[in-house]
C-alpha atoms as a PDB file:
ATOM      1  CA  MET A   1     105.488  85.859  99.778  1.00  0.00           C
ATOM      2  CA  GLN A   2     101.739  86.062  99.311  1.00  0.00           C
ATOM      3  CA  LEU A   3     100.351  89.527  98.595  1.00  0.00           C
ATOM      4  CA  PRO A   4      98.056  91.007 101.249  1.00  0.00           C
ATOM      5  CA  LYS A   5      94.361  90.936 100.365  1.00  0.00           C
ATOM      6  CA  GLU A   6      92.058  93.925 100.256  1.00  0.00           C
ATOM      7  CA  GLY A   7      90.918  94.742 103.767  1.00  0.00           C
ATOM      8  CA  ASP A   8      94.177  93.459 105.320  1.00  0.00           C
ATOM      9  CA  TYR A   9      96.289  95.853 107.349  1.00  0.00           C
ATOM     10  CA  ILE A  10     100.000  96.284 106.708  1.00  0.00           C
ATOM     11  CA  ALA A  11     102.797  98.378 108.167  1.00  0.00           C
ATOM     12  CA  ILE A  12     104.817 100.726 105.975  1.00  0.00           C
ATOM     13  CA  GLN A  13     108.506 101.303 106.684  1.00  0.00           C
ATOM     14  CA  SER A  14     110.590 104.075 105.188  1.00  0.00           C
ATOM     15  CA  TYR A  15     114.379 103.726 105.280  1.00  0.00           C
ATOM     16  CA  LYS A  16     117.248 106.040 104.380  1.00  0.00           C
ATOM     17  CA  HIS A  17     120.070 105.246 101.939  1.00  0.00           C
ATOM     18  CA  ASP A  18     122.427 104.209 104.760  1.00  0.00           C
ATOM     19  CA  GLY A  19     119.935 101.535 105.854  1.00  0.00           C
ATOM     20  CA  HIS A  20     118.525 103.133 108.999  1.00  0.00           C
ATOM     21  CA  LEU A  21     114.794 103.035 109.632  1.00  0.00           C
ATOM     22  CA  HIS A  22     113.362 106.500 109.029  1.00  0.00           C
ATOM     23  CA  ARG A  23     109.614 106.227 109.752  1.00  0.00           C
ATOM     24  CA  THR A  24     106.942 103.556 110.306  1.00  0.00           C
ATOM     25  CA  TRP A  25     103.183 103.772 109.732  1.00  0.00           C
ATOM     26  CA  ARG A  26     101.566 101.058 111.828  1.00  0.00           C
ATOM     27  CA  ASP A  27      98.230 100.285 110.144  1.00  0.00           C
ATOM     28  CA  THR A  28      97.392 100.893 106.506  1.00  0.00           C
ATOM     29  CA  MET A  29      94.363  99.127 105.065  1.00  0.00           C
ATOM     30  CA  VAL A  30      95.094  97.500 101.719  1.00  0.00           C
ATOM     31  CA  LEU A  31      92.566  98.505  99.047  1.00  0.00           C
ATOM     32  CA  LYS A  32      94.268  96.918  96.036  1.00  0.00           C
ATOM     33  CA  THR A  33      97.299  94.774  95.347  1.00  0.00           C
ATOM     34  CA  SER A  34      98.590  93.600  92.037  1.00  0.00           C
ATOM     35  CA  GLU A  35     101.911  92.396  90.750  1.00  0.00           C
ATOM     36  CA  ASN A  36     103.083  96.016  90.456  1.00  0.00           C
ATOM     37  CA  GLU A  37     100.912  98.203  92.703  1.00  0.00           C
ATOM     38  CA  VAL A  38      99.694  98.582  96.232  1.00  0.00           C
ATOM     39  CA  ILE A  39      96.974 101.093  97.048  1.00  0.00           C
ATOM     40  CA  GLY A  40      95.994 101.608 100.662  1.00  0.00           C
ATOM     41  CA  CYS A  41      94.359 103.984 103.081  1.00  0.00           C
ATOM     42  CA  ASN A  42      95.201 105.046 106.569  1.00  0.00           C
ATOM     43  CA  ASP A  43      93.325 107.286 108.966  1.00  0.00           C
ATOM     44  CA  HIS A  44      94.439 108.315 112.434  1.00  0.00           C
ATOM     45  CA  THR A  45      97.377 105.942 112.025  1.00  0.00           C
ATOM     46  CA  LEU A  46     100.226 105.775 114.501  1.00  0.00           C
ATOM     47  CA  VAL A  47     103.505 106.959 112.963  1.00  0.00           C
ATOM     48  CA  THR A  48     106.844 106.337 114.685  1.00  0.00           C
ATOM     49  CA  GLU A  49     109.897 108.395 113.742  1.00  0.00           C
ATOM     50  CA  ALA A  50     113.498 107.149 113.828  1.00  0.00           C
ATOM     51  CA  ASP A  51     114.069 109.058 117.082  1.00  0.00           C
ATOM     52  CA  HIS A  52     111.057 107.195 118.605  1.00  0.00           C
ATOM     53  CA  ARG A  53     108.766 110.239 118.569  1.00  0.00           C
ATOM     54  CA  ARG A  54     105.206 109.182 117.815  1.00  0.00           C
ATOM     55  CA  TRP A  55     102.296 110.990 116.276  1.00  0.00           C
ATOM     56  CA  VAL A  56      98.942 110.143 114.707  1.00  0.00           C
ATOM     57  CA  THR A  57      97.863 111.143 111.193  1.00  0.00           C
ATOM     58  CA  ARG A  58      95.117 113.776 111.176  1.00  0.00           C
ATOM     59  CA  GLU A  59      93.022 112.824 108.169  1.00  0.00           C
ATOM     60  CA  PRO A  60      92.396 109.908 105.838  1.00  0.00           C
ATOM     61  CA  ALA A  61      95.184 109.412 103.308  1.00  0.00           C
ATOM     62  CA  LEU A  62      95.325 107.194 100.246  1.00  0.00           C
ATOM     63  CA  VAL A  63      98.777 105.738  99.568  1.00  0.00           C
ATOM     64  CA  TYR A  64     100.069 104.599  96.187  1.00  0.00           C
ATOM     65  CA  PHE A  65     103.168 102.458  95.666  1.00  0.00           C
ATOM     66  CA  HIS A  66     104.511 100.952  92.442  1.00  0.00           C
ATOM     67  CA  ARG A  67     107.254  98.398  91.753  1.00  0.00           C
ATOM     68  CA  HIS A  68     108.637 100.273  88.740  1.00  0.00           C
ATOM     69  CA  TYR A  69     108.459 103.946  89.719  1.00  0.00           C
ATOM     70  CA  TRP A  70     110.904 105.737  92.003  1.00  0.00           C
ATOM     71  CA  PHE A  71     108.207 107.654  93.849  1.00  0.00           C
ATOM     72  CA  ASN A  72     105.195 107.017  96.035  1.00  0.00           C
ATOM     73  CA  ILE A  73     102.173 109.226  96.475  1.00  0.00           C
ATOM     74  CA  VAL A  74     100.193 110.097  99.599  1.00  0.00           C
ATOM     75  CA  THR A  75      96.835 111.751  98.927  1.00  0.00           C
ATOM     76  CA  MET A  76      95.625 113.550 102.047  1.00  0.00           C
ATOM     77  CA  LEU A  77      91.851 113.948 101.979  1.00  0.00           C
ATOM     78  CA  ARG A  78      91.152 117.377 103.407  1.00  0.00           C
ATOM     79  CA  GLU A  79      88.083 119.621 103.664  1.00  0.00           C
ATOM     80  CA  ASN A  80      89.376 121.992 100.958  1.00  0.00           C
ATOM     81  CA  GLY A  81      90.243 119.152  98.548  1.00  0.00           C
ATOM     82  CA  PRO A  82      92.990 116.566  98.159  1.00  0.00           C
ATOM     83  CA  SER A  83      96.556 117.543  98.941  1.00  0.00           C
ATOM     84  CA  TYR A  84      99.426 115.342  97.724  1.00  0.00           C
ATOM     85  CA  TYR A  85     102.759 114.531  99.289  1.00  0.00           C
ATOM     86  CA  CYS A  86     104.994 112.656  96.873  1.00  0.00           C
ATOM     87  CA  ASN A  87     108.185 110.996  98.071  1.00  0.00           C
ATOM     88  CA  LEU A  88     111.062 110.387  95.665  1.00  0.00           C
ATOM     89  CA  ALA A  89     111.958 106.882  96.760  1.00  0.00           C
ATOM     90  CA  THR A  90     112.837 103.429  95.549  1.00  0.00           C
ATOM     91  CA  PRO A  91     110.131 101.130  94.262  1.00  0.00           C
ATOM     92  CA  PHE A  92     108.602  99.208  97.162  1.00  0.00           C
ATOM     93  CA  VAL A  93     109.370  95.726  98.396  1.00  0.00           C
ATOM     94  CA  LEU A  94     106.964  93.707 100.473  1.00  0.00           C
ATOM     95  CA  ASP A  95     107.840  91.087 103.052  1.00  0.00           C
ATOM     96  CA  GLN A  96     106.174  89.495 106.091  1.00  0.00           C
ATOM     97  CA  GLU A  97     107.048  92.542 108.185  1.00  0.00           C
ATOM     98  CA  ALA A  98     105.989  95.516 106.048  1.00  0.00           C
ATOM     99  CA  LEU A  99     105.914  97.340 102.751  1.00  0.00           C
ATOM    100  CA  LYS A 100     109.371  98.939 102.569  1.00  0.00           C
ATOM    101  CA  TYR A 101     111.185 101.568 100.529  1.00  0.00           C
ATOM    102  CA  ILE A 102     114.208 103.872 100.681  1.00  0.00           C
ATOM    103  CA  ASP A 103     113.272 107.548 100.943  1.00  0.00           C
ATOM    104  CA  TYR A 104     115.569 109.848  98.962  1.00  0.00           C
ATOM    105  CA  ASP A 105     114.654 113.088 100.747  1.00  0.00           C
ATOM    106  CA  LEU A 106     113.184 114.983  97.787  1.00  0.00           C
ATOM    107  CA  ASP A 107     109.437 115.516  97.955  1.00  0.00           C
ATOM    108  CA  VAL A 108     106.871 117.173  95.735  1.00  0.00           C
ATOM    109  CA  LYS A 109     103.885 118.701  97.495  1.00  0.00           C
ATOM    110  CA  VAL A 110     100.760 119.475  95.490  1.00  0.00           C
ATOM    111  CA  PHE A 111      98.222 121.794  97.079  1.00  0.00           C
ATOM    112  CA  PRO A 112      94.446 121.612  96.470  1.00  0.00           C
ATOM    113  CA  ASN A 113      94.711 124.601  94.090  1.00  0.00           C
ATOM    114  CA  GLY A 114      97.226 122.668  91.945  1.00  0.00           C
ATOM    115  CA  GLU A 115     100.338 124.565  93.082  1.00  0.00           C
ATOM    116  CA  LYS A 116     103.423 122.308  93.147  1.00  0.00           C
ATOM    117  CA  ARG A 117     106.461 122.689  95.382  1.00  0.00           C
ATOM    118  CA  LEU A 118     109.732 120.733  95.376  1.00  0.00           C
ATOM    119  CA  LEU A 119     110.780 120.244  99.002  1.00  0.00           C
ATOM    120  CA  ASP A 120     113.902 119.200 100.903  1.00  0.00           C
ATOM    121  CA  VAL A 121     116.450 119.964  98.184  1.00  0.00           C
ATOM    122  CA  ASP A 122     118.986 120.936 100.895  1.00  0.00           C
ATOM    123  CA  GLU A 123     118.402 117.673 102.759  1.00  0.00           C
ATOM    124  CA  TYR A 124     118.924 115.756  99.507  1.00  0.00           C
ATOM    125  CA  ALA A 125     122.218 117.562  98.828  1.00  0.00           C
ATOM    126  CA  LEU A 126     123.418 116.904 102.390  1.00  0.00           C
ATOM    127  CA  HIS A 127     122.559 113.192 102.298  1.00  0.00           C
ATOM    128  CA  ALA A 128     123.883 112.776  98.745  1.00  0.00           C
ATOM    129  CA  HIS A 129     127.254 114.026  99.996  1.00  0.00           C
ATOM    130  CA  LEU A 130     127.144 112.201 103.355  1.00  0.00           C
ATOM    131  CA  TRP A 131     126.064 108.826 101.960  1.00  0.00           C
ATOM    132  CA  HIS A 132     127.710 109.107  98.513  1.00  0.00           C
ATOM    133  CA  TYR A 133     124.663 108.762  96.292  1.00  0.00           C
ATOM    134  CA  SER A 134     125.844 107.445  92.937  1.00  0.00           C
ATOM    135  CA  GLN A 135     125.422 109.346  89.681  1.00  0.00           C
ATOM    136  CA  GLN A 136     122.985 106.591  88.667  1.00  0.00           C
ATOM    137  CA  ILE A 137     120.765 107.277  91.719  1.00  0.00           C
ATOM    138  CA  ASP A 138     120.917 111.006  91.015  1.00  0.00           C
ATOM    139  CA  ASP A 139     119.945 110.459  87.358  1.00  0.00           C
ATOM    140  CA  ILE A 140     117.081 108.098  88.283  1.00  0.00           C
ATOM    141  CA  LEU A 141     115.707 110.600  90.796  1.00  0.00           C
ATOM    142  CA  LYS A 142     115.891 113.504  88.319  1.00  0.00           C
ATOM    143  CA  TYR A 143     114.074 111.429  85.695  1.00  0.00           C
ATOM    144  CA  SER A 144     111.525 110.238  88.305  1.00  0.00           C
ATOM    145  CA  THR A 145     110.843 113.822  89.393  1.00  0.00           C
ATOM    146  CA  GLU A 146     110.113 114.740  85.772  1.00  0.00           C
ATOM    147  CA  THR A 147     107.806 111.712  85.399  1.00  0.00           C
ATOM    148  CA  LEU A 148     106.001 112.628  88.613  1.00  0.00           C
ATOM    149  CA  ILE A 149     105.480 116.230  87.434  1.00  0.00           C
ATOM    150  CA  GLU A 150     104.041 114.865  84.148  1.00  0.00           C
ATOM    151  CA  TRP A 151     101.600 112.693  86.120  1.00  0.00           C
ATOM    152  CA  ILE A 152     100.539 115.723  88.174  1.00  0.00           C
ATOM    153  CA  ASP A 153     100.114 117.973  85.127  1.00  0.00           C
ATOM    154  CA  GLN A 154      98.184 115.282  83.210  1.00  0.00           C
ATOM    155  CA  HIS A 155      96.015 114.304  86.224  1.00  0.00           C
ATOM    156  CA  LYS A 156      97.256 110.741  85.796  1.00  0.00           C
ATOM    157  CA  GLY A 157      96.720 107.913  88.290  1.00  0.00           C
ATOM    158  CA  PRO A 158      96.436 109.158  91.870  1.00  0.00           C
ATOM    159  CA  PHE A 159      96.112 112.756  90.612  1.00  0.00           C
ATOM    160  CA  SER A 160      92.772 112.103  88.902  1.00  0.00           C
ATOM    161  CA  GLN A 161      89.552 112.984  90.695  1.00  0.00           C
ATOM    162  CA  GLY A 162      88.175 109.555  89.854  1.00  0.00           C
ATOM    163  CA  TYR A 163      91.028 107.871  91.751  1.00  0.00           C
ATOM    164  CA  VAL A 164      90.264 109.735  94.968  1.00  0.00           C
ATOM    165  CA  GLU A 165      86.529 109.039  94.789  1.00  0.00           C
ATOM    166  CA  LEU A 166      86.921 105.364  93.830  1.00  0.00           C
ATOM    167  CA  TRP A 167      89.507 104.412  96.429  1.00  0.00           C
ATOM    168  CA  TYR A 168      88.103 106.416  99.340  1.00  0.00           C
ATOM    169  CA  GLN A 169      84.663 104.883  98.685  1.00  0.00           C
ATOM    170  CA  ARG A 170      86.272 101.419  98.607  1.00  0.00           C
ATOM    171  CA  TYR A 171      87.962 102.179 101.944  1.00  0.00           C
ATOM    172  CA  GLN A 172      84.601 103.168 103.461  1.00  0.00           C
ATOM    173  CA  GLU A 173      82.990  99.933 102.181  1.00  0.00           C
ATOM    174  CA  LEU A 174      85.771  97.739 103.576  1.00  0.00           C
ATOM    175  CA  LEU A 175      85.808  99.629 106.872  1.00  0.00           C
ATOM    176  CA  HIS A 176      82.125  98.964 107.430  1.00  0.00           C
ATOM    177  CA  HIS A 177      82.202  95.325 106.321  1.00  0.00           C
ATOM    178  CA  VAL A 178      85.283  94.153 108.189  1.00  0.00           C
END
């Protein structure tokens, strides 16, 4: 499949381990694609939950996906500074329909002041038992959480100020030239 080009819009679909569709973001503008990465931006994007509830995102958000890391990163651009929501999840796959990944419940939230919080540990434990996560999945997710925390602490990739400025500016340029 051909990679989407910058300025194209794609859907993003999050699944759970048992294969059911968890959440869909309808329109995310692609800012960069490479063999291993997709960077995008969405703003006031329609989100549909598995139970068919719908809502619209409140602020612009940069999204970062990688083919080799078991996490993705959403950078919410807020008045008081960027806030990050990091999903522990499989590396993405891309097909004609959407960018897709399996969400493994655990999340790391990073507040504008740098505070980090691990979220949904109970949900992870419940689903791990219910859907029989393998020891290998558990080990990969523990290692990936440690890698993610290193990225946060070292201001690497999406956690650098330069990333936010560069990619939000690129979004603004594409938005006004499309």
